Amino acid sequence: MTTRTFARAALVGAGALALLGPLTAATAVAASDVNRGDARIMAAPYAVVPYETVNVRSGPARSYAKVGSVAAGQPRGAYCWVRGETIRDNGYTNNVWVKLVEGYVSAVYLKGNEYGDLPASATC
């Protein structure tokens, strides 16, 4: 019985170390500031890609302050989505905004489904 417990503990410990490896690498990348975009993607559970340059806002509407932008084709880490201001552009209409590391972007400008390719269950 003690051998089994020890084996399980060893497996759990090995799994934890396997998880720490990528986190340590991501932290090193973020600290070095060389590949900031890559670190931002690794910091969030999902990744989104805008098909054109998009403004990043501090909240889910155009009335919120612009805090930056993401260039077309540049992947970004995303956490969840929330309903906000309805945006109409490029023949699409949507009120879904995706929360990135930096702020919020309208899903109208993101590749994928109506949620910017996040799962429907990934609500904020």
N, C-alpha and C. Protein backbone atom coordinates (compact mmCIF):
# COMPACT_ATOMS: atom_id res chain seq x y z
N MET A 1 0.82 -1.19 0.00
CA MET A 1 0.00 0.00 0.00
C MET A 1 0.87 1.26 0.00
N THR A 2 1.94 1.28 0.78
CA THR A 2 2.80 2.46 0.82
C THR A 2 3.53 2.66 -0.50
N THR A 3 3.84 1.58 -1.22
CA THR A 3 4.49 1.71 -2.52
C THR A 3 3.56 2.40 -3.50
N ARG A 4 2.27 2.04 -3.48
CA ARG A 4 1.30 2.70 -4.37
C ARG A 4 1.18 4.18 -4.05
N THR A 5 1.09 4.50 -2.78
CA THR A 5 0.97 5.90 -2.39
C THR A 5 2.19 6.67 -2.85
N PHE A 6 3.37 6.10 -2.67
CA PHE A 6 4.60 6.75 -3.09
C PHE A 6 4.61 6.93 -4.61
N ALA A 7 4.18 5.93 -5.35
CA ALA A 7 4.15 6.01 -6.82
C ALA A 7 3.20 7.12 -7.27
N ARG A 8 2.03 7.20 -6.64
CA ARG A 8 1.09 8.28 -6.98
C ARG A 8 1.68 9.64 -6.68
N ALA A 9 2.30 9.77 -5.53
CA ALA A 9 2.91 11.05 -5.16
C ALA A 9 4.00 11.43 -6.16
N ALA A 10 4.78 10.45 -6.59
CA ALA A 10 5.83 10.71 -7.58
C ALA A 10 5.23 11.17 -8.90
N LEU A 11 4.14 10.53 -9.32
CA LEU A 11 3.48 10.93 -10.56
C LEU A 11 2.89 12.32 -10.46
N VAL A 12 2.25 12.60 -9.35
CA VAL A 12 1.67 13.93 -9.15
C VAL A 12 2.78 14.98 -9.15
N GLY A 13 3.87 14.68 -8.45
CA GLY A 13 5.00 15.60 -8.42
C GLY A 13 5.60 15.82 -9.79
N ALA A 14 5.72 14.77 -10.58
CA ALA A 14 6.26 14.88 -11.94
C ALA A 14 5.33 15.72 -12.80
N GLY A 15 4.02 15.53 -12.61
CA GLY A 15 3.05 16.34 -13.36
C GLY A 15 3.17 17.80 -13.01
N ALA A 16 3.34 18.09 -11.73
CA ALA A 16 3.49 19.48 -11.30
C ALA A 16 4.75 20.09 -11.89
N LEU A 17 5.84 19.33 -11.91
CA LEU A 17 7.08 19.84 -12.51
C LEU A 17 6.92 20.07 -14.00
N ALA A 18 6.18 19.19 -14.67
CA ALA A 18 5.95 19.36 -16.11
C ALA A 18 5.17 20.64 -16.36
N LEU A 19 4.23 20.96 -15.48
CA LEU A 19 3.47 22.20 -15.63
C LEU A 19 4.32 23.42 -15.31
N LEU A 20 5.21 23.31 -14.36
CA LEU A 20 6.05 24.45 -13.99
C LEU A 20 7.05 24.81 -15.08
N GLY A 21 7.47 23.84 -15.88
CA GLY A 21 8.42 24.12 -16.95
C GLY A 21 7.94 25.20 -17.89
N PRO A 22 6.75 25.04 -18.52
CA PRO A 22 6.27 26.09 -19.42
C PRO A 22 6.01 27.40 -18.70
N LEU A 23 5.54 27.36 -17.45
CA LEU A 23 5.29 28.60 -16.74
C LEU A 23 6.59 29.34 -16.48
N THR A 24 7.63 28.61 -16.14
CA THR A 24 8.93 29.23 -15.92
C THR A 24 9.45 29.82 -17.22
N ALA A 25 9.28 29.10 -18.32
CA ALA A 25 9.72 29.61 -19.62
C ALA A 25 8.94 30.86 -19.99
N ALA A 26 7.63 30.86 -19.76
CA ALA A 26 6.81 32.03 -20.08
C ALA A 26 7.23 33.22 -19.23
N THR A 27 7.53 32.97 -17.97
CA THR A 27 7.97 34.04 -17.09
C THR A 27 9.29 34.61 -17.58
N ALA A 28 10.19 33.74 -18.00
CA ALA A 28 11.48 34.20 -18.50
C ALA A 28 11.30 35.03 -19.76
N VAL A 29 10.41 34.61 -20.64
CA VAL A 29 10.16 35.36 -21.87
C VAL A 29 9.59 36.73 -21.52
N ALA A 30 8.62 36.75 -20.59
CA ALA A 30 8.01 38.02 -20.21
C ALA A 30 9.05 38.93 -19.57
N ALA A 31 9.91 38.36 -18.73
CA ALA A 31 10.92 39.16 -18.05
C ALA A 31 11.94 39.71 -19.03
N SER A 32 12.28 38.93 -20.05
CA SER A 32 13.27 39.38 -21.01
C SER A 32 12.69 40.42 -21.96
N ASP A 33 11.35 40.45 -22.07
CA ASP A 33 10.65 41.43 -22.90
C ASP A 33 11.00 41.32 -24.38
N VAL A 34 11.56 40.17 -24.78
CA VAL A 34 11.93 39.97 -26.17
C VAL A 34 10.71 39.63 -27.02
N ASN A 35 9.90 38.68 -26.56
CA ASN A 35 8.72 38.24 -27.30
C ASN A 35 7.46 38.54 -26.50
N ARG A 36 7.16 39.79 -26.28
CA ARG A 36 6.03 40.16 -25.43
C ARG A 36 4.73 39.57 -25.92
N GLY A 37 4.50 39.51 -27.22
CA GLY A 37 3.27 38.93 -27.75
C GLY A 37 3.13 37.47 -27.38
N ASP A 38 4.23 36.70 -27.48
CA ASP A 38 4.19 35.28 -27.13
C ASP A 38 3.86 35.09 -25.66
N ALA A 39 4.43 35.89 -24.78
CA ALA A 39 4.16 35.78 -23.35
C ALA A 39 2.70 36.10 -23.06
N ARG A 40 2.15 37.06 -23.75
CA ARG A 40 0.75 37.43 -23.53
C ARG A 40 -0.19 36.30 -23.96
N ILE A 41 0.17 35.59 -25.00
CA ILE A 41 -0.66 34.47 -25.45
C ILE A 41 -0.59 33.36 -24.41
N MET A 42 0.61 33.07 -23.90
CA MET A 42 0.77 31.97 -22.95
C MET A 42 0.11 32.28 -21.61
N ALA A 43 -0.09 33.56 -21.28
CA ALA A 43 -0.64 33.94 -19.99
C ALA A 43 -2.15 33.73 -19.92
N ALA A 44 -2.81 33.53 -21.02
CA ALA A 44 -4.27 33.41 -21.06
C ALA A 44 -4.68 32.04 -21.60
N PRO A 45 -5.89 31.58 -21.24
CA PRO A 45 -6.32 30.25 -21.66
C PRO A 45 -6.69 30.11 -23.14
N TYR A 46 -6.95 31.21 -23.82
CA TYR A 46 -7.36 31.16 -25.23
C TYR A 46 -6.48 32.12 -26.04
N ALA A 47 -6.49 31.94 -27.34
CA ALA A 47 -5.80 32.86 -28.24
C ALA A 47 -6.77 33.33 -29.30
N VAL A 48 -6.70 34.62 -29.63
CA VAL A 48 -7.53 35.20 -30.68
C VAL A 48 -6.62 35.89 -31.68
N VAL A 49 -7.13 36.04 -32.91
CA VAL A 49 -6.35 36.68 -33.97
C VAL A 49 -7.26 37.67 -34.71
N PRO A 50 -6.92 38.96 -34.68
CA PRO A 50 -7.71 39.93 -35.45
C PRO A 50 -7.38 39.83 -36.94
N TYR A 51 -8.39 40.01 -37.78
CA TYR A 51 -8.13 39.97 -39.22
C TYR A 51 -7.81 41.35 -39.76
N GLU A 52 -7.95 42.38 -38.94
CA GLU A 52 -7.47 43.71 -39.26
C GLU A 52 -7.05 44.37 -37.96
N THR A 53 -6.28 45.44 -38.05
CA THR A 53 -5.83 46.11 -36.83
C THR A 53 -7.04 46.59 -36.05
N VAL A 54 -7.02 46.31 -34.75
CA VAL A 54 -8.18 46.59 -33.90
C VAL A 54 -7.74 47.38 -32.67
N ASN A 55 -8.60 48.32 -32.24
CA ASN A 55 -8.34 49.08 -31.02
C ASN A 55 -8.66 48.22 -29.81
N VAL A 56 -7.84 48.36 -28.79
CA VAL A 56 -8.08 47.71 -27.50
C VAL A 56 -8.60 48.79 -26.56
N ARG A 57 -9.70 48.49 -25.88
CA ARG A 57 -10.36 49.45 -25.00
C ARG A 57 -10.33 48.98 -23.55
N SER A 58 -10.51 49.91 -22.63
CA SER A 58 -10.50 49.56 -21.21
C SER A 58 -11.80 48.89 -20.77
N GLY A 59 -12.81 48.92 -21.60
CA GLY A 59 -14.10 48.28 -21.32
C GLY A 59 -14.77 47.88 -22.62
N PRO A 60 -15.93 47.22 -22.54
CA PRO A 60 -16.57 46.65 -23.73
C PRO A 60 -17.46 47.62 -24.52
N ALA A 61 -16.90 48.78 -24.88
CA ALA A 61 -17.62 49.75 -25.71
C ALA A 61 -16.63 50.78 -26.24
N ARG A 62 -17.00 51.45 -27.33
CA ARG A 62 -16.12 52.47 -27.91
C ARG A 62 -15.99 53.69 -27.01
N SER A 63 -16.91 53.86 -26.06
CA SER A 63 -16.85 55.01 -25.15
C SER A 63 -15.74 54.85 -24.11
N TYR A 64 -15.22 53.64 -23.93
CA TYR A 64 -14.11 53.42 -23.00
C TYR A 64 -12.81 53.87 -23.64
N ALA A 65 -11.85 54.22 -22.83
CA ALA A 65 -10.56 54.71 -23.32
C ALA A 65 -9.84 53.66 -24.17
N LYS A 66 -9.19 54.14 -25.22
CA LYS A 66 -8.34 53.27 -26.03
C LYS A 66 -7.04 53.08 -25.27
N VAL A 67 -6.68 51.81 -25.03
CA VAL A 67 -5.45 51.51 -24.28
C VAL A 67 -4.36 50.92 -25.16
N GLY A 68 -4.67 50.73 -26.43
CA GLY A 68 -3.69 50.18 -27.36
C GLY A 68 -4.36 49.66 -28.60
N SER A 69 -3.62 48.88 -29.36
CA SER A 69 -4.16 48.25 -30.56
C SER A 69 -3.41 46.94 -30.80
N VAL A 70 -4.04 46.09 -31.60
CA VAL A 70 -3.42 44.82 -31.98
C VAL A 70 -3.42 44.78 -33.51
N ALA A 71 -2.26 44.53 -34.08
CA ALA A 71 -2.12 44.50 -35.53
C ALA A 71 -2.81 43.27 -36.13
N ALA A 72 -3.24 43.40 -37.35
CA ALA A 72 -3.88 42.29 -38.07
C ALA A 72 -2.96 41.09 -38.08
N GLY A 73 -3.53 39.92 -37.79
CA GLY A 73 -2.78 38.67 -37.84
C GLY A 73 -1.92 38.40 -36.61
N GLN A 74 -1.87 39.34 -35.66
CA GLN A 74 -1.04 39.15 -34.47
C GLN A 74 -1.86 38.48 -33.36
N PRO A 75 -1.54 37.24 -32.99
CA PRO A 75 -2.31 36.54 -31.96
C PRO A 75 -2.16 37.21 -30.60
N ARG A 76 -3.24 37.14 -29.84
CA ARG A 76 -3.23 37.68 -28.48
C ARG A 76 -3.92 36.70 -27.54
N GLY A 77 -3.50 36.68 -26.31
CA GLY A 77 -4.14 35.85 -25.28
C GLY A 77 -5.48 36.45 -24.90
N ALA A 78 -6.47 35.59 -24.69
CA ALA A 78 -7.81 36.04 -24.31
C ALA A 78 -8.31 35.22 -23.13
N TYR A 79 -9.11 35.85 -22.27
CA TYR A 79 -9.63 35.20 -21.08
C TYR A 79 -11.08 34.77 -21.21
N CYS A 80 -11.92 35.67 -21.72
CA CYS A 80 -13.35 35.41 -21.73
C CYS A 80 -14.02 36.43 -22.65
N TRP A 81 -15.33 36.33 -22.77
CA TRP A 81 -16.08 37.30 -23.55
C TRP A 81 -17.26 37.83 -22.73
N VAL A 82 -17.73 39.02 -23.09
CA VAL A 82 -18.83 39.67 -22.41
C VAL A 82 -19.65 40.45 -23.45
N ARG A 83 -20.90 40.64 -23.17
CA ARG A 83 -21.73 41.46 -24.07
C ARG A 83 -21.53 42.94 -23.73
N GLY A 84 -21.42 43.75 -24.77
CA GLY A 84 -21.22 45.18 -24.59
C GLY A 84 -21.89 45.94 -25.72
N GLU A 85 -21.26 47.02 -26.16
CA GLU A 85 -21.80 47.83 -27.25
C GLU A 85 -21.87 47.01 -28.54
N THR A 86 -22.95 47.17 -29.27
CA THR A 86 -23.09 46.51 -30.57
C THR A 86 -22.23 47.24 -31.60
N ILE A 87 -21.41 46.50 -32.31
CA ILE A 87 -20.53 47.05 -33.34
C ILE A 87 -20.98 46.51 -34.69
N ARG A 88 -21.08 47.40 -35.67
CA ARG A 88 -21.42 47.03 -37.04
C ARG A 88 -20.26 47.47 -37.93
N ASP A 89 -19.63 46.50 -38.59
CA ASP A 89 -18.52 46.82 -39.48
C ASP A 89 -18.26 45.63 -40.40
N ASN A 90 -17.79 45.90 -41.59
CA ASN A 90 -17.44 44.87 -42.57
C ASN A 90 -18.57 43.87 -42.82
N GLY A 91 -19.82 44.32 -42.72
CA GLY A 91 -20.96 43.44 -42.96
C GLY A 91 -21.34 42.57 -41.76
N TYR A 92 -20.68 42.76 -40.62
CA TYR A 92 -20.97 41.98 -39.41
C TYR A 92 -21.55 42.88 -38.33
N THR A 93 -22.41 42.31 -37.52
CA THR A 93 -22.97 43.01 -36.37
C THR A 93 -22.86 42.08 -35.18
N ASN A 94 -22.31 42.60 -34.08
CA ASN A 94 -22.10 41.76 -32.91
C ASN A 94 -21.94 42.64 -31.68
N ASN A 95 -22.41 42.16 -30.53
CA ASN A 95 -22.22 42.90 -29.28
C ASN A 95 -21.28 42.16 -28.32
N VAL A 96 -20.51 41.22 -28.85
CA VAL A 96 -19.58 40.45 -28.03
C VAL A 96 -18.22 41.15 -28.03
N TRP A 97 -17.67 41.31 -26.83
CA TRP A 97 -16.33 41.87 -26.65
C TRP A 97 -15.49 40.83 -25.93
N VAL A 98 -14.25 40.66 -26.38
CA VAL A 98 -13.35 39.66 -25.82
C VAL A 98 -12.33 40.35 -24.93
N LYS A 99 -12.16 39.82 -23.73
CA LYS A 99 -11.19 40.37 -22.77
C LYS A 99 -9.82 39.78 -23.04
N LEU A 100 -8.89 40.66 -23.40
CA LEU A 100 -7.50 40.29 -23.61
C LEU A 100 -6.70 40.64 -22.37
N VAL A 101 -5.42 40.37 -22.39
CA VAL A 101 -4.54 40.78 -21.30
C VAL A 101 -4.57 42.30 -21.17
N GLU A 102 -4.59 43.01 -22.32
CA GLU A 102 -4.49 44.46 -22.33
C GLU A 102 -5.82 45.18 -22.13
N GLY A 103 -6.94 44.56 -22.46
CA GLY A 103 -8.25 45.21 -22.40
C GLY A 103 -9.26 44.44 -23.24
N TYR A 104 -10.20 45.15 -23.83
CA TYR A 104 -11.29 44.52 -24.59
C TYR A 104 -11.23 44.87 -26.06
N VAL A 105 -11.59 43.90 -26.92
CA VAL A 105 -11.73 44.14 -28.35
C VAL A 105 -13.07 43.57 -28.80
N SER A 106 -13.64 44.19 -29.81
CA SER A 106 -14.89 43.69 -30.37
C SER A 106 -14.63 42.42 -31.16
N ALA A 107 -15.46 41.42 -30.97
CA ALA A 107 -15.32 40.16 -31.69
C ALA A 107 -15.58 40.32 -33.18
N VAL A 108 -16.15 41.44 -33.59
CA VAL A 108 -16.39 41.71 -35.01
C VAL A 108 -15.06 41.66 -35.78
N TYR A 109 -13.97 42.03 -35.11
CA TYR A 109 -12.68 42.12 -35.78
C TYR A 109 -11.80 40.88 -35.58
N LEU A 110 -12.33 39.85 -34.95
CA LEU A 110 -11.55 38.65 -34.67
C LEU A 110 -11.93 37.50 -35.58
N LYS A 111 -10.94 36.71 -35.96
CA LYS A 111 -11.20 35.52 -36.77
C LYS A 111 -11.96 34.50 -35.94
N GLY A 112 -12.77 33.70 -36.60
CA GLY A 112 -13.47 32.61 -35.90
C GLY A 112 -14.95 32.86 -35.78
N ASN A 113 -15.53 32.32 -34.73
CA ASN A 113 -16.98 32.39 -34.53
C ASN A 113 -17.41 33.73 -33.95
N GLU A 114 -18.67 33.82 -33.56
CA GLU A 114 -19.22 35.08 -33.04
C GLU A 114 -18.58 35.50 -31.72
N TYR A 115 -17.87 34.59 -31.06
CA TYR A 115 -17.20 34.88 -29.79
C TYR A 115 -15.69 35.07 -29.98
N GLY A 116 -15.25 35.37 -31.19
CA GLY A 116 -13.83 35.52 -31.46
C GLY A 116 -13.09 34.21 -31.37
N ASP A 117 -13.81 33.12 -31.58
CA ASP A 117 -13.30 31.75 -31.54
C ASP A 117 -13.09 31.23 -30.11
N LEU A 118 -13.64 31.93 -29.11
CA LEU A 118 -13.67 31.39 -27.75
C LEU A 118 -14.88 30.49 -27.64
N PRO A 119 -14.89 29.59 -26.69
CA PRO A 119 -16.10 28.77 -26.49
C PRO A 119 -17.25 29.64 -25.99
N ALA A 120 -18.46 29.28 -26.33
CA ALA A 120 -19.64 30.01 -25.86
C ALA A 120 -19.69 30.04 -24.33
N SER A 121 -19.13 29.06 -23.69
CA SER A 121 -19.16 28.96 -22.23
C SER A 121 -18.12 29.86 -21.55
N ALA A 122 -17.24 30.50 -22.31
CA ALA A 122 -16.14 31.30 -21.74
C ALA A 122 -16.58 32.72 -21.40
N THR A 123 -17.67 32.86 -20.69
CA THR A 123 -18.16 34.20 -20.35
C THR A 123 -17.38 34.76 -19.16
N CYS A 124 -17.27 36.09 -19.13
CA CYS A 124 -16.56 36.77 -18.03
C CYS A 124 -17.44 36.83 -16.80
